[in-house]
Amino acid sequence: MKMLDLMFDTLYKQEKQYGEDSVEVAKTCFLIGVVFMDENLPDSAMKYFKRSLEIRINYFMPDSKEILEVTNAIRAAGEEIDK
C-alpha cells in the first residue's frame, strides 16, 4: 500500500495548490481508483472514480475521452452509469 500513501500525499498537496475541484485532483483520484481496482477493492475504487467524474464533468464534454475513461472504469468496478 506504499503506492497509495504516495498518491494520497499527492492528492492532499494538489487540493491545497489547485483546489479540490481541479483537473489535477480528478486525474489523481482516477489513478487512486485504478490502484484500488488492482488491489481488488472495487468499493474503494468507486469512491475515487466517482469523485474524478464529478470534477471532470465540469471541465469536459460528456462524450470526451476524459469522461469516457472514468465511466468505463466505474462500469468495470460493477456499477451502471445513468446518461
C-alpha atoms as a PDB file:
ATOM      1  CA  MET A   1       0.000   0.000   0.000  1.00  0.00           C
ATOM      2  CA  LYS A   2       3.013   2.300  -0.108  1.00  0.00           C
ATOM      3  CA  MET A   3       1.943   3.442  -3.590  1.00  0.00           C
ATOM      4  CA  LEU A   4      -1.393   4.582  -2.176  1.00  0.00           C
ATOM      5  CA  ASP A   5       0.334   6.522   0.603  1.00  0.00           C
ATOM      6  CA  LEU A   6       2.273   8.483  -2.013  1.00  0.00           C
ATOM      7  CA  MET A   7      -0.845   9.049  -4.071  1.00  0.00           C
ATOM      8  CA  PHE A   8      -2.847  10.286  -1.081  1.00  0.00           C
ATOM      9  CA  ASP A   9       0.002  12.645  -0.221  1.00  0.00           C
ATOM     10  CA  THR A  10      -0.045  13.928  -3.802  1.00  0.00           C
ATOM     11  CA  LEU A  11      -3.822  14.324  -3.669  1.00  0.00           C
ATOM     12  CA  TYR A  12      -3.599  16.367  -0.471  1.00  0.00           C
ATOM     13  CA  LYS A  13      -0.952  18.651  -1.979  1.00  0.00           C
ATOM     14  CA  GLN A  14      -2.929  19.097  -5.201  1.00  0.00           C
ATOM     15  CA  GLU A  15      -6.073  20.003  -3.280  1.00  0.00           C
ATOM     16  CA  LYS A  16      -4.151  22.705  -1.441  1.00  0.00           C
ATOM     17  CA  GLN A  17      -2.338  24.025  -4.521  1.00  0.00           C
ATOM     18  CA  TYR A  18      -5.005  23.773  -7.235  1.00  0.00           C
ATOM     19  CA  GLY A  19      -8.276  23.452  -5.306  1.00  0.00           C
ATOM     20  CA  GLU A  20     -10.428  20.442  -4.504  1.00  0.00           C
ATOM     21  CA  ASP A  21     -12.213  20.536  -7.864  1.00  0.00           C
ATOM     22  CA  SER A  22      -9.231  20.846 -10.192  1.00  0.00           C
ATOM     23  CA  VAL A  23      -8.402  18.684 -13.180  1.00  0.00           C
ATOM     24  CA  GLU A  24      -5.196  17.636 -11.416  1.00  0.00           C
ATOM     25  CA  VAL A  25      -7.196  16.333  -8.450  1.00  0.00           C
ATOM     26  CA  ALA A  26      -9.541  14.493 -10.835  1.00  0.00           C
ATOM     27  CA  LYS A  27      -6.594  12.750 -12.500  1.00  0.00           C
ATOM     28  CA  THR A  28      -5.124  11.672  -9.175  1.00  0.00           C
ATOM     29  CA  CYS A  29      -8.495  10.430  -7.911  1.00  0.00           C
ATOM     30  CA  PHE A  30      -8.830   8.357 -11.065  1.00  0.00           C
ATOM     31  CA  LEU A  31      -5.373   6.844 -10.553  1.00  0.00           C
ATOM     32  CA  ILE A  32      -6.141   6.061  -6.921  1.00  0.00           C
ATOM     33  CA  GLY A  33      -9.238   4.244  -8.137  1.00  0.00           C
ATOM     34  CA  VAL A  34      -7.125   2.252 -10.588  1.00  0.00           C
ATOM     35  CA  VAL A  35      -4.772   1.172  -7.794  1.00  0.00           C
ATOM     36  CA  PHE A  36      -7.727   0.109  -5.650  1.00  0.00           C
ATOM     37  CA  MET A  37      -9.075  -1.934  -8.584  1.00  0.00           C
ATOM     38  CA  ASP A  38      -5.655  -3.564  -8.977  1.00  0.00           C
ATOM     39  CA  GLU A  39      -5.887  -4.474  -5.280  1.00  0.00           C
ATOM     40  CA  ASN A  40      -9.359  -5.982  -5.939  1.00  0.00           C
ATOM     41  CA  LEU A  41     -11.112  -3.320  -3.846  1.00  0.00           C
ATOM     42  CA  PRO A  42     -13.877  -2.098  -6.179  1.00  0.00           C
ATOM     43  CA  ASP A  43     -15.883  -0.325  -3.465  1.00  0.00           C
ATOM     44  CA  SER A  44     -12.892   1.817  -2.531  1.00  0.00           C
ATOM     45  CA  ALA A  45     -12.113   2.385  -6.204  1.00  0.00           C
ATOM     46  CA  MET A  46     -15.675   3.526  -6.848  1.00  0.00           C
ATOM     47  CA  LYS A  47     -15.361   6.369  -4.335  1.00  0.00           C
ATOM     48  CA  TYR A  48     -12.417   7.848  -6.219  1.00  0.00           C
ATOM     49  CA  PHE A  49     -13.774   7.136  -9.699  1.00  0.00           C
ATOM     50  CA  LYS A  50     -16.987   8.962  -8.792  1.00  0.00           C
ATOM     51  CA  ARG A  51     -15.093  11.910  -7.368  1.00  0.00           C
ATOM     52  CA  SER A  52     -12.999  12.078 -10.529  1.00  0.00           C
ATOM     53  CA  LEU A  53     -16.142  12.003 -12.659  1.00  0.00           C
ATOM     54  CA  GLU A  54     -17.856  14.703 -10.588  1.00  0.00           C
ATOM     55  CA  ILE A  55     -14.904  17.008 -11.158  1.00  0.00           C
ATOM     56  CA  ARG A  56     -14.358  16.153 -14.820  1.00  0.00           C
ATOM     57  CA  ILE A  57     -17.956  16.833 -15.854  1.00  0.00           C
ATOM     58  CA  ASN A  58     -17.310  20.484 -15.003  1.00  0.00           C
ATOM     59  CA  TYR A  59     -14.404  20.670 -17.465  1.00  0.00           C
ATOM     60  CA  PHE A  60     -15.118  18.265 -20.323  1.00  0.00           C
ATOM     61  CA  MET A  61     -17.887  17.457 -22.792  1.00  0.00           C
ATOM     62  CA  PRO A  62     -19.985  14.354 -21.985  1.00  0.00           C
ATOM     63  CA  ASP A  63     -18.518  12.263 -24.833  1.00  0.00           C
ATOM     64  CA  SER A  64     -14.911  13.321 -24.264  1.00  0.00           C
ATOM     65  CA  LYS A  65     -12.198  10.742 -23.672  1.00  0.00           C
ATOM     66  CA  GLU A  66     -11.710  12.159 -20.151  1.00  0.00           C
ATOM     67  CA  ILE A  67     -15.315  11.360 -19.226  1.00  0.00           C
ATOM     68  CA  LEU A  68     -15.431   8.025 -21.051  1.00  0.00           C
ATOM     69  CA  GLU A  69     -12.258   6.880 -19.277  1.00  0.00           C
ATOM     70  CA  VAL A  70     -13.921   7.307 -15.892  1.00  0.00           C
ATOM     71  CA  THR A  71     -17.345   5.970 -16.849  1.00  0.00           C
ATOM     72  CA  ASN A  72     -15.700   2.837 -18.266  1.00  0.00           C
ATOM     73  CA  ALA A  73     -13.765   2.388 -15.017  1.00  0.00           C
ATOM     74  CA  ILE A  74     -16.972   2.780 -12.990  1.00  0.00           C
ATOM     75  CA  ARG A  75     -18.651   0.124 -15.104  1.00  0.00           C
ATOM     76  CA  ALA A  76     -15.643  -2.158 -14.659  1.00  0.00           C
ATOM     77  CA  ALA A  77     -15.983  -1.688 -10.910  1.00  0.00           C
ATOM     78  CA  GLY A  78     -19.518  -3.006 -11.198  1.00  0.00           C
ATOM     79  CA  GLU A  79     -21.848  -0.027 -11.310  1.00  0.00           C
ATOM     80  CA  GLU A  80     -24.010   1.350 -14.088  1.00  0.00           C
ATOM     81  CA  ILE A  81     -23.902   4.995 -15.171  1.00  0.00           C
ATOM     82  CA  ASP A  82     -27.049   6.982 -15.899  1.00  0.00           C
ATOM     83  CA  LYS A  83     -26.639   9.092 -19.033  1.00  0.00           C
END
